[in-house]
Amino acid sequence: AAEAAFEALAKERERDALTAYPAAFRDSWLYAELHKTRNFKPYMKKGLYLGSLLFGIDQVVFRGKAPWTLRNSADHDKLKPAAECAKINYPKPDGVLTFDRLSSVFLSNTNHEEEQPCHLQLKDGAVPIAINLARYDAPEQRYCPAGVYEIVNEEAGPRLQINAQNCVHCKT
């Protein structure tokens, strides 16, 4: 990855594209290792016992070189419009087993400097309101465990506010 990045930076026109990376990755030991276990998650979607049996056969009989590759679907393909779903009313945190988000962020001990630039960037700032809020009721407010993404209603209309200082780097 570092070599591909160095190569991309050296080329003025292709500065933002790591064109050499995919081929270098396919030729690496890591790709070979990951390729052997590529069917694990699709098998496990069939349940613990059946999935374990099928994956065991894949690993023992075929040694990870099964002539097929099972596919996963992307998470966003399964997202339903909010109109098709019942609203979930979550109970208030009890302070014993469940806690509010900001207390949990504090306990994570993740720290950001006050003047640190926001590491969360949007490619298109219109999407969160025009699509996510309008059609899906802004799911980013619920899938983020730290309350980083927040829809703020203002006189000019709703907007997405990114509270990057709360980010616990969970990769969602």
N, C-alpha and C. Protein backbone atom coordinates (compact mmCIF):
# COMPACT_ATOMS: atom_id res chain seq x y z
N ALA A 1 0.83 -1.19 0.00
CA ALA A 1 0.00 0.00 0.00
C ALA A 1 0.88 1.26 0.00
N ALA A 2 1.93 1.22 0.80
CA ALA A 2 2.82 2.38 0.87
C ALA A 2 3.51 2.62 -0.46
N GLU A 3 3.93 1.56 -1.11
CA GLU A 3 4.58 1.71 -2.42
C GLU A 3 3.61 2.26 -3.46
N ALA A 4 2.36 1.78 -3.42
CA ALA A 4 1.35 2.28 -4.36
C ALA A 4 1.05 3.76 -4.10
N ALA A 5 0.99 4.14 -2.82
CA ALA A 5 0.75 5.54 -2.48
C ALA A 5 1.92 6.42 -2.92
N PHE A 6 3.13 5.94 -2.72
CA PHE A 6 4.31 6.70 -3.15
C PHE A 6 4.30 6.87 -4.66
N GLU A 7 3.95 5.81 -5.38
CA GLU A 7 3.89 5.87 -6.84
C GLU A 7 2.82 6.86 -7.30
N ALA A 8 1.66 6.84 -6.64
CA ALA A 8 0.57 7.76 -7.01
C ALA A 8 0.95 9.21 -6.74
N LEU A 9 1.63 9.46 -5.64
CA LEU A 9 2.04 10.82 -5.32
C LEU A 9 3.08 11.34 -6.29
N ALA A 10 3.89 10.45 -6.85
CA ALA A 10 4.92 10.85 -7.81
C ALA A 10 4.32 11.27 -9.15
N LYS A 11 3.14 10.75 -9.46
CA LYS A 11 2.48 11.11 -10.71
C LYS A 11 1.53 12.28 -10.45
N GLU A 12 1.73 13.36 -11.12
CA GLU A 12 0.93 14.56 -10.91
C GLU A 12 -0.54 14.34 -11.28
N ARG A 13 -0.80 13.64 -12.39
CA ARG A 13 -2.18 13.47 -12.87
C ARG A 13 -2.97 12.47 -12.03
N GLU A 14 -2.34 11.42 -11.55
CA GLU A 14 -3.05 10.36 -10.83
C GLU A 14 -2.81 10.44 -9.33
N ARG A 15 -2.71 11.62 -8.83
CA ARG A 15 -2.35 11.83 -7.43
C ARG A 15 -3.36 11.23 -6.45
N ASP A 16 -4.63 11.23 -6.79
CA ASP A 16 -5.66 10.75 -5.88
C ASP A 16 -6.07 9.31 -6.14
N ALA A 17 -5.42 8.62 -7.07
CA ALA A 17 -5.81 7.25 -7.40
C ALA A 17 -4.66 6.29 -7.11
N LEU A 18 -4.96 5.26 -6.37
CA LEU A 18 -3.96 4.22 -6.09
C LEU A 18 -4.12 3.11 -7.12
N THR A 19 -3.84 3.40 -8.36
CA THR A 19 -4.07 2.43 -9.44
C THR A 19 -3.18 1.21 -9.33
N ALA A 20 -2.01 1.32 -8.76
CA ALA A 20 -1.10 0.18 -8.66
C ALA A 20 -1.46 -0.74 -7.49
N TYR A 21 -2.26 -0.26 -6.54
CA TYR A 21 -2.54 -1.03 -5.33
C TYR A 21 -3.29 -2.34 -5.58
N PRO A 22 -4.40 -2.36 -6.35
CA PRO A 22 -5.13 -3.62 -6.51
C PRO A 22 -4.26 -4.77 -7.06
N ALA A 23 -3.45 -4.49 -8.04
CA ALA A 23 -2.60 -5.54 -8.61
C ALA A 23 -1.54 -5.98 -7.60
N ALA A 24 -0.96 -5.04 -6.89
CA ALA A 24 0.05 -5.38 -5.88
C ALA A 24 -0.57 -6.20 -4.75
N PHE A 25 -1.79 -5.87 -4.38
CA PHE A 25 -2.47 -6.63 -3.32
C PHE A 25 -2.77 -8.05 -3.79
N ARG A 26 -3.25 -8.20 -5.03
CA ARG A 26 -3.56 -9.55 -5.55
C ARG A 26 -2.31 -10.43 -5.61
N ASP A 27 -1.14 -9.85 -5.74
CA ASP A 27 0.10 -10.62 -5.80
C ASP A 27 0.73 -10.85 -4.43
N SER A 28 0.09 -10.39 -3.36
CA SER A 28 0.69 -10.48 -2.03
C SER A 28 0.28 -11.75 -1.29
N TRP A 29 1.02 -12.06 -0.24
CA TRP A 29 0.71 -13.19 0.63
C TRP A 29 -0.60 -12.96 1.36
N LEU A 30 -0.93 -11.71 1.66
CA LEU A 30 -2.16 -11.40 2.38
C LEU A 30 -3.39 -11.77 1.56
N TYR A 31 -3.36 -11.46 0.27
CA TYR A 31 -4.48 -11.82 -0.58
C TYR A 31 -4.68 -13.33 -0.59
N ALA A 32 -3.60 -14.08 -0.73
CA ALA A 32 -3.70 -15.55 -0.74
C ALA A 32 -4.30 -16.06 0.56
N GLU A 33 -3.89 -15.48 1.67
CA GLU A 33 -4.41 -15.91 2.97
C GLU A 33 -5.89 -15.56 3.13
N LEU A 34 -6.26 -14.36 2.75
CA LEU A 34 -7.66 -13.94 2.86
C LEU A 34 -8.56 -14.68 1.88
N HIS A 35 -8.02 -14.99 0.71
CA HIS A 35 -8.80 -15.70 -0.31
C HIS A 35 -9.25 -17.08 0.20
N LYS A 36 -8.43 -17.71 1.00
CA LYS A 36 -8.77 -19.04 1.53
C LYS A 36 -9.99 -18.99 2.45
N THR A 37 -10.21 -17.88 3.10
CA THR A 37 -11.32 -17.79 4.06
C THR A 37 -12.48 -16.94 3.54
N ARG A 38 -12.53 -16.70 2.24
CA ARG A 38 -13.50 -15.78 1.66
C ARG A 38 -14.95 -16.20 1.87
N ASN A 39 -15.21 -17.50 2.07
CA ASN A 39 -16.59 -17.98 2.20
C ASN A 39 -17.08 -18.06 3.64
N PHE A 40 -16.26 -17.66 4.60
CA PHE A 40 -16.63 -17.81 6.01
C PHE A 40 -17.94 -17.11 6.36
N LYS A 41 -18.04 -15.83 6.09
CA LYS A 41 -19.24 -15.08 6.48
C LYS A 41 -20.50 -15.59 5.76
N PRO A 42 -20.45 -15.83 4.44
CA PRO A 42 -21.67 -16.36 3.81
C PRO A 42 -22.08 -17.72 4.38
N TYR A 43 -21.12 -18.57 4.72
CA TYR A 43 -21.48 -19.85 5.34
C TYR A 43 -22.12 -19.64 6.70
N MET A 44 -21.57 -18.74 7.50
CA MET A 44 -22.08 -18.52 8.85
C MET A 44 -23.47 -17.90 8.87
N LYS A 45 -23.88 -17.32 7.77
CA LYS A 45 -25.26 -16.81 7.69
C LYS A 45 -26.27 -17.94 7.66
N LYS A 46 -25.80 -19.16 7.46
CA LYS A 46 -26.68 -20.33 7.45
C LYS A 46 -26.88 -20.91 8.85
N GLY A 47 -26.30 -20.27 9.86
CA GLY A 47 -26.44 -20.74 11.23
C GLY A 47 -25.13 -21.29 11.75
N LEU A 48 -25.02 -21.38 13.07
CA LEU A 48 -23.77 -21.79 13.69
C LEU A 48 -23.36 -23.21 13.28
N TYR A 49 -24.26 -24.17 13.41
CA TYR A 49 -23.89 -25.56 13.16
C TYR A 49 -23.70 -25.86 11.68
N LEU A 50 -24.70 -25.49 10.85
CA LEU A 50 -24.58 -25.75 9.41
C LEU A 50 -23.43 -24.93 8.82
N GLY A 51 -23.31 -23.67 9.24
CA GLY A 51 -22.23 -22.82 8.75
C GLY A 51 -20.86 -23.36 9.13
N SER A 52 -20.73 -23.82 10.37
CA SER A 52 -19.45 -24.40 10.82
C SER A 52 -19.11 -25.66 10.04
N LEU A 53 -20.12 -26.49 9.80
CA LEU A 53 -19.91 -27.71 9.02
C LEU A 53 -19.46 -27.38 7.60
N LEU A 54 -20.17 -26.47 6.93
CA LEU A 54 -19.83 -26.11 5.56
C LEU A 54 -18.46 -25.45 5.47
N PHE A 55 -18.16 -24.57 6.41
CA PHE A 55 -16.85 -23.92 6.38
C PHE A 55 -15.75 -24.93 6.70
N GLY A 56 -16.03 -25.85 7.61
CA GLY A 56 -15.06 -26.90 7.91
C GLY A 56 -14.75 -27.74 6.69
N ILE A 57 -15.78 -28.09 5.91
CA ILE A 57 -15.57 -28.84 4.67
C ILE A 57 -14.73 -28.00 3.70
N ASP A 58 -15.07 -26.72 3.59
CA ASP A 58 -14.32 -25.81 2.71
C ASP A 58 -12.84 -25.80 3.09
N GLN A 59 -12.55 -25.75 4.39
CA GLN A 59 -11.16 -25.63 4.84
C GLN A 59 -10.40 -26.96 4.85
N VAL A 60 -11.09 -28.05 5.24
CA VAL A 60 -10.41 -29.34 5.36
C VAL A 60 -10.33 -30.06 4.01
N VAL A 61 -11.46 -30.16 3.33
CA VAL A 61 -11.49 -30.90 2.06
C VAL A 61 -10.84 -30.10 0.94
N PHE A 62 -11.25 -28.84 0.81
CA PHE A 62 -10.75 -28.02 -0.30
C PHE A 62 -9.53 -27.19 0.08
N ARG A 63 -9.17 -27.17 1.36
CA ARG A 63 -8.04 -26.38 1.87
C ARG A 63 -8.13 -24.90 1.46
N GLY A 64 -9.37 -24.39 1.49
CA GLY A 64 -9.59 -22.98 1.16
C GLY A 64 -9.56 -22.67 -0.32
N LYS A 65 -9.49 -23.71 -1.16
CA LYS A 65 -9.41 -23.49 -2.60
C LYS A 65 -10.65 -24.02 -3.31
N ALA A 66 -11.80 -23.86 -2.68
CA ALA A 66 -13.06 -24.29 -3.29
C ALA A 66 -13.23 -23.59 -4.62
N PRO A 67 -13.80 -24.29 -5.61
CA PRO A 67 -13.93 -23.67 -6.93
C PRO A 67 -15.07 -22.66 -7.02
N TRP A 68 -15.66 -22.28 -5.91
CA TRP A 68 -16.73 -21.29 -5.90
C TRP A 68 -16.44 -20.23 -4.84
N THR A 69 -17.05 -19.09 -5.06
CA THR A 69 -16.98 -18.00 -4.08
C THR A 69 -18.40 -17.55 -3.81
N LEU A 70 -18.82 -17.68 -2.57
CA LEU A 70 -20.15 -17.21 -2.17
C LEU A 70 -20.09 -15.70 -2.01
N ARG A 71 -21.18 -15.04 -2.26
CA ARG A 71 -21.20 -13.58 -2.23
C ARG A 71 -22.01 -13.06 -1.05
N ASN A 72 -21.59 -11.93 -0.53
CA ASN A 72 -22.33 -11.18 0.47
C ASN A 72 -23.00 -10.01 -0.24
N SER A 73 -24.08 -9.55 0.31
CA SER A 73 -24.68 -8.34 -0.24
C SER A 73 -24.25 -7.17 0.64
N ALA A 74 -24.22 -6.01 0.07
CA ALA A 74 -23.83 -4.81 0.81
C ALA A 74 -24.92 -4.45 1.83
N ASP A 75 -24.52 -3.93 2.97
CA ASP A 75 -25.47 -3.56 4.01
C ASP A 75 -26.49 -2.55 3.51
N HIS A 76 -26.05 -1.56 2.72
CA HIS A 76 -26.97 -0.52 2.28
C HIS A 76 -28.04 -1.06 1.33
N ASP A 77 -27.81 -2.21 0.72
CA ASP A 77 -28.83 -2.80 -0.16
C ASP A 77 -30.02 -3.32 0.64
N LYS A 78 -29.84 -3.56 1.92
CA LYS A 78 -30.91 -4.10 2.77
C LYS A 78 -31.66 -3.01 3.53
N LEU A 79 -31.24 -1.77 3.36
CA LEU A 79 -31.88 -0.67 4.06
C LEU A 79 -33.26 -0.41 3.46
N LYS A 80 -34.28 -0.39 4.32
CA LYS A 80 -35.65 -0.16 3.87
C LYS A 80 -36.03 1.29 4.13
N PRO A 81 -36.91 1.85 3.30
CA PRO A 81 -37.40 3.21 3.58
C PRO A 81 -38.09 3.25 4.94
N ALA A 82 -38.00 4.37 5.62
CA ALA A 82 -38.57 4.52 6.96
C ALA A 82 -40.08 4.28 6.95
N ALA A 83 -40.74 4.62 5.87
CA ALA A 83 -42.20 4.44 5.78
C ALA A 83 -42.60 2.98 5.87
N GLU A 84 -41.70 2.06 5.53
CA GLU A 84 -42.00 0.63 5.57
C GLU A 84 -41.66 -0.01 6.92
N CYS A 85 -41.13 0.76 7.85
CA CYS A 85 -40.66 0.20 9.11
C CYS A 85 -41.39 0.82 10.30
N ALA A 86 -41.55 0.01 11.34
CA ALA A 86 -42.15 0.52 12.58
C ALA A 86 -41.08 1.28 13.36
N LYS A 87 -41.47 2.39 13.95
CA LYS A 87 -40.53 3.19 14.74
C LYS A 87 -40.19 2.43 16.02
N ILE A 88 -38.93 2.42 16.37
CA ILE A 88 -38.47 1.74 17.58
C ILE A 88 -38.35 2.78 18.69
N ASN A 89 -39.02 2.55 19.79
CA ASN A 89 -38.91 3.42 20.95
C ASN A 89 -37.97 2.76 21.94
N TYR A 90 -36.74 3.24 21.98
CA TYR A 90 -35.74 2.68 22.87
C TYR A 90 -35.99 3.15 24.29
N PRO A 91 -35.82 2.27 25.28
CA PRO A 91 -35.99 2.71 26.67
C PRO A 91 -34.85 3.65 27.08
N LYS A 92 -35.14 4.50 28.04
CA LYS A 92 -34.12 5.42 28.55
C LYS A 92 -33.04 4.62 29.28
N PRO A 93 -31.78 5.07 29.22
CA PRO A 93 -30.71 4.37 29.93
C PRO A 93 -31.00 4.33 31.43
N ASP A 94 -30.73 3.18 32.07
CA ASP A 94 -31.03 3.05 33.49
C ASP A 94 -29.84 3.36 34.39
N GLY A 95 -28.64 3.54 33.81
CA GLY A 95 -27.47 3.86 34.62
C GLY A 95 -26.86 2.66 35.33
N VAL A 96 -27.43 1.48 35.14
CA VAL A 96 -26.91 0.26 35.74
C VAL A 96 -26.40 -0.68 34.65
N LEU A 97 -27.30 -1.07 33.76
CA LEU A 97 -26.94 -1.93 32.63
C LEU A 97 -26.76 -1.14 31.34
N THR A 98 -27.51 -0.08 31.19
CA THR A 98 -27.43 0.74 29.99
C THR A 98 -27.09 2.17 30.38
N PHE A 99 -26.34 2.84 29.50
CA PHE A 99 -25.87 4.19 29.80
C PHE A 99 -26.10 5.09 28.60
N ASP A 100 -26.16 6.39 28.86
CA ASP A 100 -26.34 7.33 27.76
C ASP A 100 -25.07 7.38 26.91
N ARG A 101 -25.22 7.83 25.68
CA ARG A 101 -24.11 7.82 24.72
C ARG A 101 -22.92 8.64 25.17
N LEU A 102 -23.16 9.84 25.64
CA LEU A 102 -22.04 10.71 25.99
C LEU A 102 -21.24 10.18 27.17
N SER A 103 -21.89 9.53 28.14
CA SER A 103 -21.15 8.91 29.24
C SER A 103 -20.28 7.77 28.72
N SER A 104 -20.82 7.02 27.77
CA SER A 104 -20.06 5.91 27.19
C SER A 104 -18.88 6.42 26.37
N VAL A 105 -19.06 7.53 25.66
CA VAL A 105 -17.95 8.14 24.91
C VAL A 105 -16.85 8.55 25.89
N PHE A 106 -17.25 9.13 27.01
CA PHE A 106 -16.28 9.54 28.02
C PHE A 106 -15.50 8.32 28.54
N LEU A 107 -16.21 7.23 28.81
CA LEU A 107 -15.57 6.02 29.33
C LEU A 107 -14.65 5.35 28.31
N SER A 108 -14.87 5.63 27.02
CA SER A 108 -14.01 5.02 25.99
C SER A 108 -12.60 5.61 26.03
N ASN A 109 -12.46 6.77 26.67
CA ASN A 109 -11.17 7.46 26.81
C ASN A 109 -10.59 7.89 25.46
N THR A 110 -11.45 8.04 24.47
CA THR A 110 -11.00 8.56 23.18
C THR A 110 -10.91 10.07 23.31
N ASN A 111 -9.80 10.63 22.87
CA ASN A 111 -9.58 12.05 23.07
C ASN A 111 -9.20 12.71 21.75
N HIS A 112 -9.82 13.84 21.47
CA HIS A 112 -9.50 14.63 20.29
C HIS A 112 -9.10 16.02 20.75
N GLU A 113 -8.10 16.55 20.11
CA GLU A 113 -7.68 17.92 20.43
C GLU A 113 -8.77 18.90 20.00
N GLU A 114 -8.84 20.01 20.70
CA GLU A 114 -9.90 20.99 20.43
C GLU A 114 -9.84 21.54 19.01
N GLU A 115 -8.64 21.80 18.50
CA GLU A 115 -8.49 22.37 17.17
C GLU A 115 -8.16 21.31 16.11
N GLN A 116 -8.34 20.04 16.44
CA GLN A 116 -8.03 18.96 15.51
C GLN A 116 -9.01 18.99 14.33
N PRO A 117 -8.52 18.91 13.09
CA PRO A 117 -9.43 18.91 11.95
C PRO A 117 -10.33 17.68 11.95
N CYS A 118 -11.52 17.85 11.46
CA CYS A 118 -12.49 16.75 11.41
C CYS A 118 -12.01 15.68 10.43
N HIS A 119 -11.93 14.44 10.90
CA HIS A 119 -11.49 13.35 10.03
C HIS A 119 -12.65 12.70 9.30
N LEU A 120 -13.86 13.11 9.59
CA LEU A 120 -15.04 12.57 8.93
C LEU A 120 -15.45 13.53 7.81
N GLN A 121 -15.36 13.06 6.59
CA GLN A 121 -15.62 13.91 5.44
C GLN A 121 -16.76 13.34 4.61
N LEU A 122 -17.60 14.21 4.07
CA LEU A 122 -18.68 13.80 3.17
C LEU A 122 -18.30 14.12 1.74
N LYS A 123 -18.58 13.20 0.83
CA LYS A 123 -18.34 13.48 -0.58
C LYS A 123 -19.38 14.47 -1.11
N ASP A 124 -20.62 14.32 -0.64
CA ASP A 124 -21.70 15.19 -1.09
C ASP A 124 -22.53 15.58 0.13
N GLY A 125 -22.43 16.81 0.55
CA GLY A 125 -23.13 17.28 1.74
C GLY A 125 -24.64 17.33 1.62
N ALA A 126 -25.18 17.21 0.41
CA ALA A 126 -26.62 17.25 0.21
C ALA A 126 -27.28 15.89 0.49
N VAL A 127 -26.54 14.82 0.38
CA VAL A 127 -27.10 13.47 0.52
C VAL A 127 -27.73 13.21 1.89
N PRO A 128 -27.11 13.61 3.01
CA PRO A 128 -27.72 13.30 4.30
C PRO A 128 -29.13 13.85 4.48
N ILE A 129 -29.43 15.00 3.92
CA ILE A 129 -30.77 15.58 4.06
C ILE A 129 -31.68 15.15 2.92
N ALA A 130 -31.21 15.29 1.68
CA ALA A 130 -32.05 15.01 0.51
C ALA A 130 -32.43 13.53 0.38
N ILE A 131 -31.54 12.64 0.78
CA ILE A 131 -31.82 11.21 0.62
C ILE A 131 -31.99 10.51 1.96
N ASN A 132 -30.94 10.58 2.81
CA ASN A 132 -30.98 9.82 4.06
C ASN A 132 -32.12 10.24 4.98
N LEU A 133 -32.30 11.53 5.19
CA LEU A 133 -33.37 12.00 6.07
C LEU A 133 -34.73 11.85 5.40
N ALA A 134 -34.83 12.26 4.15
CA ALA A 134 -36.11 12.23 3.46
C ALA A 134 -36.67 10.81 3.29
N ARG A 135 -35.81 9.88 2.94
CA ARG A 135 -36.29 8.53 2.64
C ARG A 135 -36.12 7.54 3.80
N TYR A 136 -35.00 7.65 4.53
CA TYR A 136 -34.67 6.63 5.54
C TYR A 136 -34.69 7.16 6.97
N ASP A 137 -35.11 8.39 7.19
CA ASP A 137 -35.15 9.01 8.51
C ASP A 137 -33.77 9.07 9.15
N ALA A 138 -32.76 9.37 8.35
CA ALA A 138 -31.38 9.58 8.80
C ALA A 138 -30.86 8.45 9.69
N PRO A 139 -30.61 7.27 9.12
CA PRO A 139 -30.14 6.15 9.94
C PRO A 139 -28.79 6.38 10.60
N GLU A 140 -27.99 7.32 10.09
CA GLU A 140 -26.68 7.59 10.69
C GLU A 140 -26.80 8.05 12.13
N GLN A 141 -27.97 8.59 12.49
CA GLN A 141 -28.18 9.00 13.89
C GLN A 141 -28.28 7.80 14.81
N ARG A 142 -28.68 6.64 14.27
CA ARG A 142 -28.89 5.45 15.09
C ARG A 142 -27.75 4.44 15.00
N TYR A 143 -27.08 4.34 13.85
CA TYR A 143 -26.04 3.32 13.76
C TYR A 143 -24.73 3.76 14.41
N CYS A 144 -24.53 5.03 14.60
CA CYS A 144 -23.31 5.50 15.25
C CYS A 144 -23.47 5.34 16.76
N PRO A 145 -22.59 4.55 17.40
CA PRO A 145 -22.75 4.32 18.84
C PRO A 145 -22.40 5.52 19.70
N ALA A 146 -21.80 6.55 19.13
CA ALA A 146 -21.34 7.69 19.94
C ALA A 146 -22.09 8.98 19.63
N GLY A 147 -23.12 8.93 18.82
CA GLY A 147 -23.88 10.14 18.52
C GLY A 147 -23.11 11.17 17.72
N VAL A 148 -22.24 10.71 16.85
CA VAL A 148 -21.43 11.63 16.05
C VAL A 148 -22.29 12.36 15.03
N TYR A 149 -23.23 11.65 14.42
CA TYR A 149 -24.06 12.24 13.36
C TYR A 149 -25.39 12.66 13.97
N GLU A 150 -25.72 13.92 13.80
CA GLU A 150 -26.92 14.47 14.41
C GLU A 150 -27.64 15.38 13.42
N ILE A 151 -28.93 15.18 13.28
CA ILE A 151 -29.73 16.07 12.44
C ILE A 151 -30.21 17.21 13.33
N VAL A 152 -29.85 18.43 12.95
CA VAL A 152 -30.21 19.62 13.70
C VAL A 152 -31.24 20.39 12.89
N ASN A 153 -32.38 20.67 13.50
CA ASN A 153 -33.42 21.44 12.82
C ASN A 153 -33.21 22.92 13.09
N GLU A 154 -33.07 23.68 12.02
CA GLU A 154 -32.87 25.12 12.10
C GLU A 154 -33.95 25.82 11.30
N GLU A 155 -34.02 27.13 11.37
CA GLU A 155 -35.01 27.89 10.61
C GLU A 155 -34.87 27.65 9.12
N ALA A 156 -33.64 27.54 8.63
CA ALA A 156 -33.40 27.31 7.20
C ALA A 156 -33.72 25.88 6.78
N GLY A 157 -33.96 25.01 7.76
CA GLY A 157 -34.24 23.61 7.47
C GLY A 157 -33.26 22.70 8.20
N PRO A 158 -33.47 21.42 8.11
CA PRO A 158 -32.57 20.50 8.82
C PRO A 158 -31.19 20.44 8.16
N ARG A 159 -30.19 20.13 8.97
CA ARG A 159 -28.83 19.94 8.46
C ARG A 159 -28.16 18.86 9.29
N LEU A 160 -27.18 18.20 8.68
CA LEU A 160 -26.40 17.18 9.38
C LEU A 160 -25.25 17.87 10.11
N GLN A 161 -25.17 17.62 11.40
CA GLN A 161 -24.05 18.13 12.19
C GLN A 161 -23.17 16.94 12.56
N ILE A 162 -21.88 17.05 12.29
CA ILE A 162 -20.93 15.99 12.62
C ILE A 162 -20.18 16.39 13.88
N ASN A 163 -20.43 15.64 14.96
CA ASN A 163 -19.76 15.88 16.24
C ASN A 163 -18.52 14.99 16.30
N ALA A 164 -17.49 15.36 15.55
CA ALA A 164 -16.30 14.53 15.40
C ALA A 164 -15.58 14.31 16.72
N GLN A 165 -15.73 15.22 17.67
CA GLN A 165 -15.06 15.07 18.96
C GLN A 165 -15.59 13.86 19.72
N ASN A 166 -16.80 13.37 19.39
CA ASN A 166 -17.37 12.19 20.05
C ASN A 166 -16.91 10.88 19.41
N CYS A 167 -16.29 10.94 18.26
CA CYS A 167 -15.96 9.73 17.50
C CYS A 167 -15.06 8.79 18.29
N VAL A 168 -15.48 7.52 18.38
CA VAL A 168 -14.69 6.51 19.09
C VAL A 168 -14.00 5.58 18.09
N HIS A 169 -14.00 5.94 16.81
CA HIS A 169 -13.29 5.22 15.75
C HIS A 169 -13.75 3.76 15.64
N CYS A 170 -15.07 3.57 15.64
CA CYS A 170 -15.62 2.22 15.59
C CYS A 170 -15.73 1.69 14.16
N LYS A 171 -15.51 2.52 13.17
CA LYS A 171 -15.52 2.17 11.74
C LYS A 171 -16.91 2.02 11.14
N THR A 172 -17.97 2.39 11.87
CA THR A 172 -19.28 2.34 11.23
C THR A 172 -19.50 3.57 10.39
